[in-house]
Amino acid sequence: MTLSKISVAVLIFLMGILFASSVIFPLTVLNYNDIPLVQIKKKKKMAHTSEKREAIEKIQKLFRQYDRHYAVMKCVDLILEADRNVEVIEKIAEYGIVEGGATMLYVKIAEYAARAPVADDEFIELAELVKRGNRGMIKLAQQASEASDETELEGVRQKINVLMK
């Protein structure tokens, strides 16, 4: 069969396959790593403790269920980096995914939780206050993260308790 005998339709079809295999498919593969669930799966393998793997796995399940609020991906990184408050960060990430609003506020609270030497459950209470519509919790989260002992943290707890009522 010579080239002159092949129909134009067959040539167009073959060119389409060539285009798809050389342009579209590689683009799909390149973007595959951008899918949050793929990123979470890779990061879960990087976790050095079972506590961190379990927390990341919970976030992964929430992403499958809700498929939104990709800014919460930062919480997965915080879990990997944190020396403490892994469960707290995971719970705050849950607020960010499930509640559907104020995601960046939750992420900011989680950032403060990740570096706090003393405070822990106070950050979950602050996330609960954000859930209730109180958006001014970032300053309190910062104060809680900077408390170096229970005495310094007590003033922040008192402010949180007043707001929780």
Protein backbone atom coordinates (compact mmCIF):
# COMPACT_ATOMS: atom_id res chain seq x y z
CA MET A 1 0.00 0.00 0.00
CA THR A 2 1.46 3.35 -0.96
CA LEU A 3 0.97 6.70 0.67
CA SER A 4 -1.15 7.93 -2.23
CA LYS A 5 -3.66 5.12 -1.66
CA ILE A 6 -4.21 5.87 2.06
CA SER A 7 -7.25 7.99 2.56
CA VAL A 8 -7.11 11.45 4.04
CA ALA A 9 -9.30 10.31 6.95
CA VAL A 10 -6.79 7.64 7.94
CA LEU A 11 -3.96 10.19 7.81
CA ILE A 12 -5.89 12.60 10.02
CA PHE A 13 -6.67 9.76 12.43
CA LEU A 14 -3.01 8.74 12.65
CA MET A 15 -1.93 12.34 13.14
CA GLY A 16 -4.46 12.65 15.96
CA ILE A 17 -3.04 9.60 17.71
CA LEU A 18 0.47 10.97 17.28
CA PHE A 19 -0.61 14.32 18.73
CA ALA A 20 -2.39 12.71 21.68
CA SER A 21 0.51 10.44 22.53
CA SER A 22 3.20 13.10 22.18
CA VAL A 23 1.46 16.18 23.62
CA ILE A 24 -1.64 15.42 25.69
CA PHE A 25 -0.45 12.30 27.52
CA PRO A 26 2.83 13.84 28.75
CA LEU A 27 0.95 16.89 30.02
CA THR A 28 -1.37 14.61 31.98
CA VAL A 29 1.58 12.79 33.52
CA LEU A 30 3.27 16.07 34.44
CA ASN A 31 0.14 17.29 36.22
CA TYR A 32 -0.38 13.97 38.01
CA ASN A 33 1.93 15.05 40.85
CA ASP A 34 -0.21 18.13 41.41
CA ILE A 35 -3.19 16.08 42.53
CA PRO A 36 -3.52 16.58 46.30
CA LEU A 37 -4.24 12.94 47.04
CA VAL A 38 -1.04 11.94 45.24
CA GLN A 39 0.91 14.53 47.19
CA ILE A 40 -0.58 13.34 50.48
CA LYS A 41 0.25 9.72 49.65
CA LYS A 42 3.88 10.66 48.97
CA LYS A 43 4.10 12.71 52.15
CA LYS A 44 2.58 9.91 54.21
CA LYS A 45 5.54 7.75 53.17
CA MET A 46 7.86 10.48 54.45
CA ALA A 47 6.36 10.39 57.97
CA HIS A 48 8.82 8.93 60.46
CA THR A 49 6.32 7.97 63.17
CA SER A 50 3.07 6.03 63.17
CA GLU A 51 1.35 8.99 64.84
CA LYS A 52 2.27 11.23 61.91
CA ARG A 53 1.29 8.60 59.32
CA GLU A 54 -2.10 8.11 60.99
CA ALA A 55 -2.75 11.86 61.13
CA ILE A 56 -1.86 12.26 57.44
CA GLU A 57 -4.04 9.26 56.59
CA LYS A 58 -7.03 10.92 58.32
CA ILE A 59 -6.47 14.07 56.28
CA GLN A 60 -6.20 11.93 53.13
CA LYS A 61 -9.60 10.34 53.89
CA LEU A 62 -11.16 13.78 54.39
CA PHE A 63 -9.75 14.96 51.05
CA ARG A 64 -11.32 11.94 49.36
CA GLN A 65 -14.65 12.66 51.01
CA TYR A 66 -14.84 16.43 50.57
CA ASP A 67 -12.41 17.17 47.69
CA ARG A 68 -11.89 20.82 48.59
CA HIS A 69 -9.79 23.33 50.52
CA TYR A 70 -6.40 22.50 49.12
CA ALA A 71 -4.75 25.14 51.31
CA VAL A 72 -5.06 22.58 54.12
CA MET A 73 -2.28 20.65 52.34
CA LYS A 74 0.02 22.94 54.33
CA CYS A 75 -1.14 21.07 57.47
CA VAL A 76 0.32 17.84 56.07
CA ASP A 77 3.68 19.59 55.80
CA LEU A 78 3.26 20.94 59.33
CA ILE A 79 2.61 17.42 60.63
CA LEU A 80 5.80 16.20 59.00
CA GLU A 81 7.82 19.06 60.49
CA ALA A 82 6.23 19.24 63.96
CA ASP A 83 7.92 17.90 67.05
CA ARG A 84 4.62 17.93 68.94
CA ASN A 85 0.89 18.70 68.52
CA VAL A 86 0.45 16.28 65.60
CA GLU A 87 -3.09 15.36 66.71
CA VAL A 88 -3.92 19.04 67.22
CA ILE A 89 -2.76 19.95 63.72
CA GLU A 90 -4.71 17.01 62.26
CA LYS A 91 -7.89 18.16 64.07
CA ILE A 92 -7.43 21.74 62.85
CA ALA A 93 -6.95 20.42 59.30
CA GLU A 94 -10.23 18.58 59.70
CA TYR A 95 -11.94 21.87 60.60
CA GLY A 96 -10.40 23.45 57.51
CA ILE A 97 -11.64 20.71 55.19
CA VAL A 98 -15.05 19.94 56.68
CA GLU A 99 -16.28 23.38 57.69
CA GLY A 100 -15.93 24.89 54.23
CA GLY A 101 -14.83 28.39 55.18
CA ALA A 102 -12.02 30.33 56.82
CA THR A 103 -9.52 27.75 55.59
CA MET A 104 -6.56 30.09 55.77
CA LEU A 105 -7.41 30.98 59.38
CA TYR A 106 -7.35 27.30 60.30
CA VAL A 107 -4.03 26.83 58.51
CA LYS A 108 -2.55 29.82 60.35
CA ILE A 109 -3.71 28.42 63.70
CA ALA A 110 -2.14 25.07 62.75
CA GLU A 111 1.13 26.87 61.95
CA TYR A 112 1.18 28.34 65.44
CA ALA A 113 0.31 24.94 66.95
CA ALA A 114 3.23 23.33 65.14
CA ARG A 115 5.76 25.60 66.78
CA ALA A 116 4.21 25.95 70.25
CA PRO A 117 6.44 24.64 73.05
CA VAL A 118 3.66 24.39 75.66
CA ALA A 119 0.16 25.00 74.28
CA ASP A 120 -1.83 22.25 72.58
CA ASP A 121 -5.61 21.92 73.06
CA GLU A 122 -5.89 25.70 73.17
CA PHE A 123 -5.44 25.69 69.41
CA ILE A 124 -8.39 23.33 68.94
CA GLU A 125 -10.49 25.70 71.04
CA LEU A 126 -9.38 28.59 68.86
CA ALA A 127 -10.35 26.61 65.75
CA GLU A 128 -13.75 25.97 67.34
CA LEU A 129 -14.16 29.70 67.88
CA VAL A 130 -13.33 30.33 64.21
CA LYS A 131 -15.96 27.72 63.31
CA ARG A 132 -18.49 29.71 65.35
CA GLY A 133 -17.70 32.77 63.27
CA ASN A 134 -15.16 34.52 65.48
CA ARG A 135 -12.41 35.47 63.02
CA GLY A 136 -10.06 37.29 65.43
CA MET A 137 -8.29 34.22 66.76
CA ILE A 138 -4.94 34.56 65.02
CA LYS A 139 -3.51 36.96 67.63
CA LEU A 140 -4.49 34.56 70.43
CA ALA A 141 -2.97 31.64 68.51
CA GLN A 142 0.25 33.61 68.18
CA GLN A 143 0.25 34.40 71.92
CA ALA A 144 -0.36 30.73 72.75
CA SER A 145 2.50 29.63 70.50
CA GLU A 146 4.87 32.08 72.16
CA ALA A 147 4.06 30.95 75.72
CA SER A 148 7.12 29.21 77.11
CA ASP A 149 5.49 27.88 80.27
CA GLU A 150 2.10 27.26 81.89
CA THR A 151 2.12 30.66 83.63
CA GLU A 152 2.41 32.55 80.34
CA LEU A 153 -0.22 30.31 78.78
CA GLU A 154 -2.75 30.96 81.58
CA GLY A 155 -3.57 34.47 80.32
CA VAL A 156 -4.34 33.11 76.86
CA ARG A 157 -6.50 30.35 78.36
CA GLN A 158 -8.52 32.94 80.28
CA LYS A 159 -9.19 34.92 77.09
CA ILE A 160 -10.21 31.73 75.25
CA ASN A 161 -12.55 30.72 78.09
CA VAL A 162 -14.28 34.11 77.98
CA LEU A 163 -14.83 33.73 74.23
CA MET A 164 -16.02 30.10 74.53
CA LYS A 165 -18.96 31.11 76.75
